[in-house]
C-alpha atoms as a PDB file:
ATOM      1  CA  MET A   1     143.026 -31.244 -46.600  1.00  0.00           C
ATOM      2  CA  THR A   2     145.345 -28.308 -46.169  1.00  0.00           C
ATOM      3  CA  THR A   3     144.828 -24.947 -47.795  1.00  0.00           C
ATOM      4  CA  SER A   4     148.466 -24.815 -48.930  1.00  0.00           C
ATOM      5  CA  GLN A   5     147.830 -27.658 -51.371  1.00  0.00           C
ATOM      6  CA  PHE A   6     145.332 -25.381 -53.147  1.00  0.00           C
ATOM      7  CA  GLY A   7     147.721 -22.476 -53.623  1.00  0.00           C
ATOM      8  CA  ILE A   8     146.231 -20.119 -51.056  1.00  0.00           C
ATOM      9  CA  PRO A   9     148.540 -17.079 -51.036  1.00  0.00           C
ATOM     10  CA  SER A  10     150.472 -16.684 -47.794  1.00  0.00           C
ATOM     11  CA  GLY A  11     151.311 -13.013 -48.310  1.00  0.00           C
ATOM     12  CA  PRO A  12     149.906  -9.855 -49.894  1.00  0.00           C
ATOM     13  CA  ILE A  13     148.085 -10.573 -53.153  1.00  0.00           C
ATOM     14  CA  GLY A  14     149.079  -8.454 -56.145  1.00  0.00           C
ATOM     15  CA  LYS A  15     146.773 -10.025 -58.717  1.00  0.00           C
ATOM     16  CA  ALA A  16     143.663 -12.192 -58.556  1.00  0.00           C
ATOM     17  CA  PRO A  17     144.299 -15.887 -57.872  1.00  0.00           C
ATOM     18  CA  THR A  18     143.368 -17.933 -60.927  1.00  0.00           C
ATOM     19  CA  GLY A  19     141.602 -21.229 -61.310  1.00  0.00           C
ATOM     20  CA  CYS A  20     138.305 -22.754 -60.381  1.00  0.00           C
ATOM     21  CA  ARG A  21     137.278 -25.078 -57.560  1.00  0.00           C
ATOM     22  CA  PRO A  22     133.956 -26.796 -56.901  1.00  0.00           C
ATOM     23  CA  ASP A  23     131.811 -25.173 -54.206  1.00  0.00           C
ATOM     24  CA  ASP A  24     132.234 -28.110 -51.798  1.00  0.00           C
ATOM     25  CA  GLU A  25     136.019 -27.838 -52.083  1.00  0.00           C
ATOM     26  CA  GLN A  26     135.882 -24.091 -51.506  1.00  0.00           C
ATOM     27  CA  ASP A  27     133.675 -24.705 -48.472  1.00  0.00           C
ATOM     28  CA  ALA A  28     136.260 -27.141 -47.078  1.00  0.00           C
ATOM     29  CA  ILE A  29     139.088 -24.670 -47.730  1.00  0.00           C
ATOM     30  CA  LEU A  30     137.281 -21.872 -45.882  1.00  0.00           C
ATOM     31  CA  ARG A  31     136.420 -24.160 -42.961  1.00  0.00           C
ATOM     32  CA  ASP A  32     140.007 -25.436 -42.790  1.00  0.00           C
ATOM     33  CA  SER A  33     141.311 -21.856 -42.688  1.00  0.00           C
ATOM     34  CA  LEU A  34     138.848 -20.862 -39.977  1.00  0.00           C
ATOM     35  CA  ARG A  35     139.523 -24.013 -37.927  1.00  0.00           C
ATOM     36  CA  ALA A  36     143.297 -23.453 -38.120  1.00  0.00           C
ATOM     37  CA  ALA A  37     142.753 -19.871 -36.955  1.00  0.00           C
ATOM     38  CA  GLY A  38     140.774 -21.100 -33.945  1.00  0.00           C
ATOM     39  CA  VAL A  39     137.448 -19.663 -35.109  1.00  0.00           C
ATOM     40  CA  GLU A  40     134.383 -21.418 -33.714  1.00  0.00           C
ATOM     41  CA  LEU A  41     131.370 -21.317 -36.029  1.00  0.00           C
ATOM     42  CA  GLY A  42     127.772 -20.823 -35.000  1.00  0.00           C
ATOM     43  CA  ALA A  43     124.718 -21.629 -37.123  1.00  0.00           C
ATOM     44  CA  HIS A  44     124.714 -18.258 -38.890  1.00  0.00           C
ATOM     45  CA  ASP A  45     128.486 -18.444 -39.450  1.00  0.00           C
ATOM     46  CA  ASP A  46     127.980 -21.857 -41.021  1.00  0.00           C
ATOM     47  CA  ARG A  47     125.334 -20.479 -43.386  1.00  0.00           C
ATOM     48  CA  ILE A  48     127.621 -17.644 -44.460  1.00  0.00           C
ATOM     49  CA  VAL A  49     130.553 -20.013 -45.084  1.00  0.00           C
ATOM     50  CA  ARG A  50     128.300 -22.084 -47.379  1.00  0.00           C
ATOM     51  CA  TRP A  51     127.184 -18.905 -49.174  1.00  0.00           C
ATOM     52  CA  VAL A  52     130.712 -17.523 -49.639  1.00  0.00           C
ATOM     53  CA  ALA A  53     131.916 -20.939 -50.841  1.00  0.00           C
ATOM     54  CA  GLY A  54     129.722 -20.419 -53.913  1.00  0.00           C
ATOM     55  CA  TRP A  55     131.592 -17.278 -54.949  1.00  0.00           C
ATOM     56  CA  GLU A  56     134.327 -17.233 -57.578  1.00  0.00           C
ATOM     57  CA  TRP A  57     137.642 -18.863 -56.690  1.00  0.00           C
ATOM     58  CA  SER A  58     139.670 -15.627 -56.701  1.00  0.00           C
ATOM     59  CA  THR A  59     137.428 -14.216 -53.945  1.00  0.00           C
ATOM     60  CA  VAL A  60     137.391 -17.389 -51.851  1.00  0.00           C
ATOM     61  CA  ALA A  61     141.184 -17.792 -52.129  1.00  0.00           C
ATOM     62  CA  THR A  62     141.686 -14.160 -51.076  1.00  0.00           C
ATOM     63  CA  ILE A  63     139.387 -14.522 -48.047  1.00  0.00           C
ATOM     64  CA  ALA A  64     141.126 -17.769 -47.013  1.00  0.00           C
ATOM     65  CA  SER A  65     144.465 -15.993 -47.355  1.00  0.00           C
ATOM     66  CA  TRP A  66     143.277 -13.123 -45.129  1.00  0.00           C
ATOM     67  CA  ILE A  67     142.146 -15.580 -42.465  1.00  0.00           C
ATOM     68  CA  GLN A  68     145.473 -17.416 -42.511  1.00  0.00           C
ATOM     69  CA  ARG A  69     147.552 -14.232 -42.467  1.00  0.00           C
ATOM     70  CA  ALA A  70     145.475 -12.728 -39.634  1.00  0.00           C
ATOM     71  CA  ALA A  71     145.851 -15.926 -37.619  1.00  0.00           C
ATOM     72  CA  ASN A  72     149.628 -15.703 -37.987  1.00  0.00           C
ATOM     73  CA  LEU A  73     149.992 -12.109 -36.784  1.00  0.00           C
ATOM     74  CA  PRO A  74     152.142 -11.696 -33.689  1.00  0.00           C
ATOM     75  CA  ALA A  75     150.127 -11.272 -30.513  1.00  0.00           C
END
């Protein structure tokens, strides 16, 4: 699964992303974004990812977009 197939914005977001995704899909999207950014998750991190994955799609998509954009910043 890649986050691009779910329409995760790759640049600044001017209006809330629309749509709805099941929690397990949102969980996978967040984990994919974090993995691609090189973020290692501990037990507490894992719990928080599961919690955030239950939020509304516009919030999850925005957070995934932030992760991806931050990971792509020049060093």
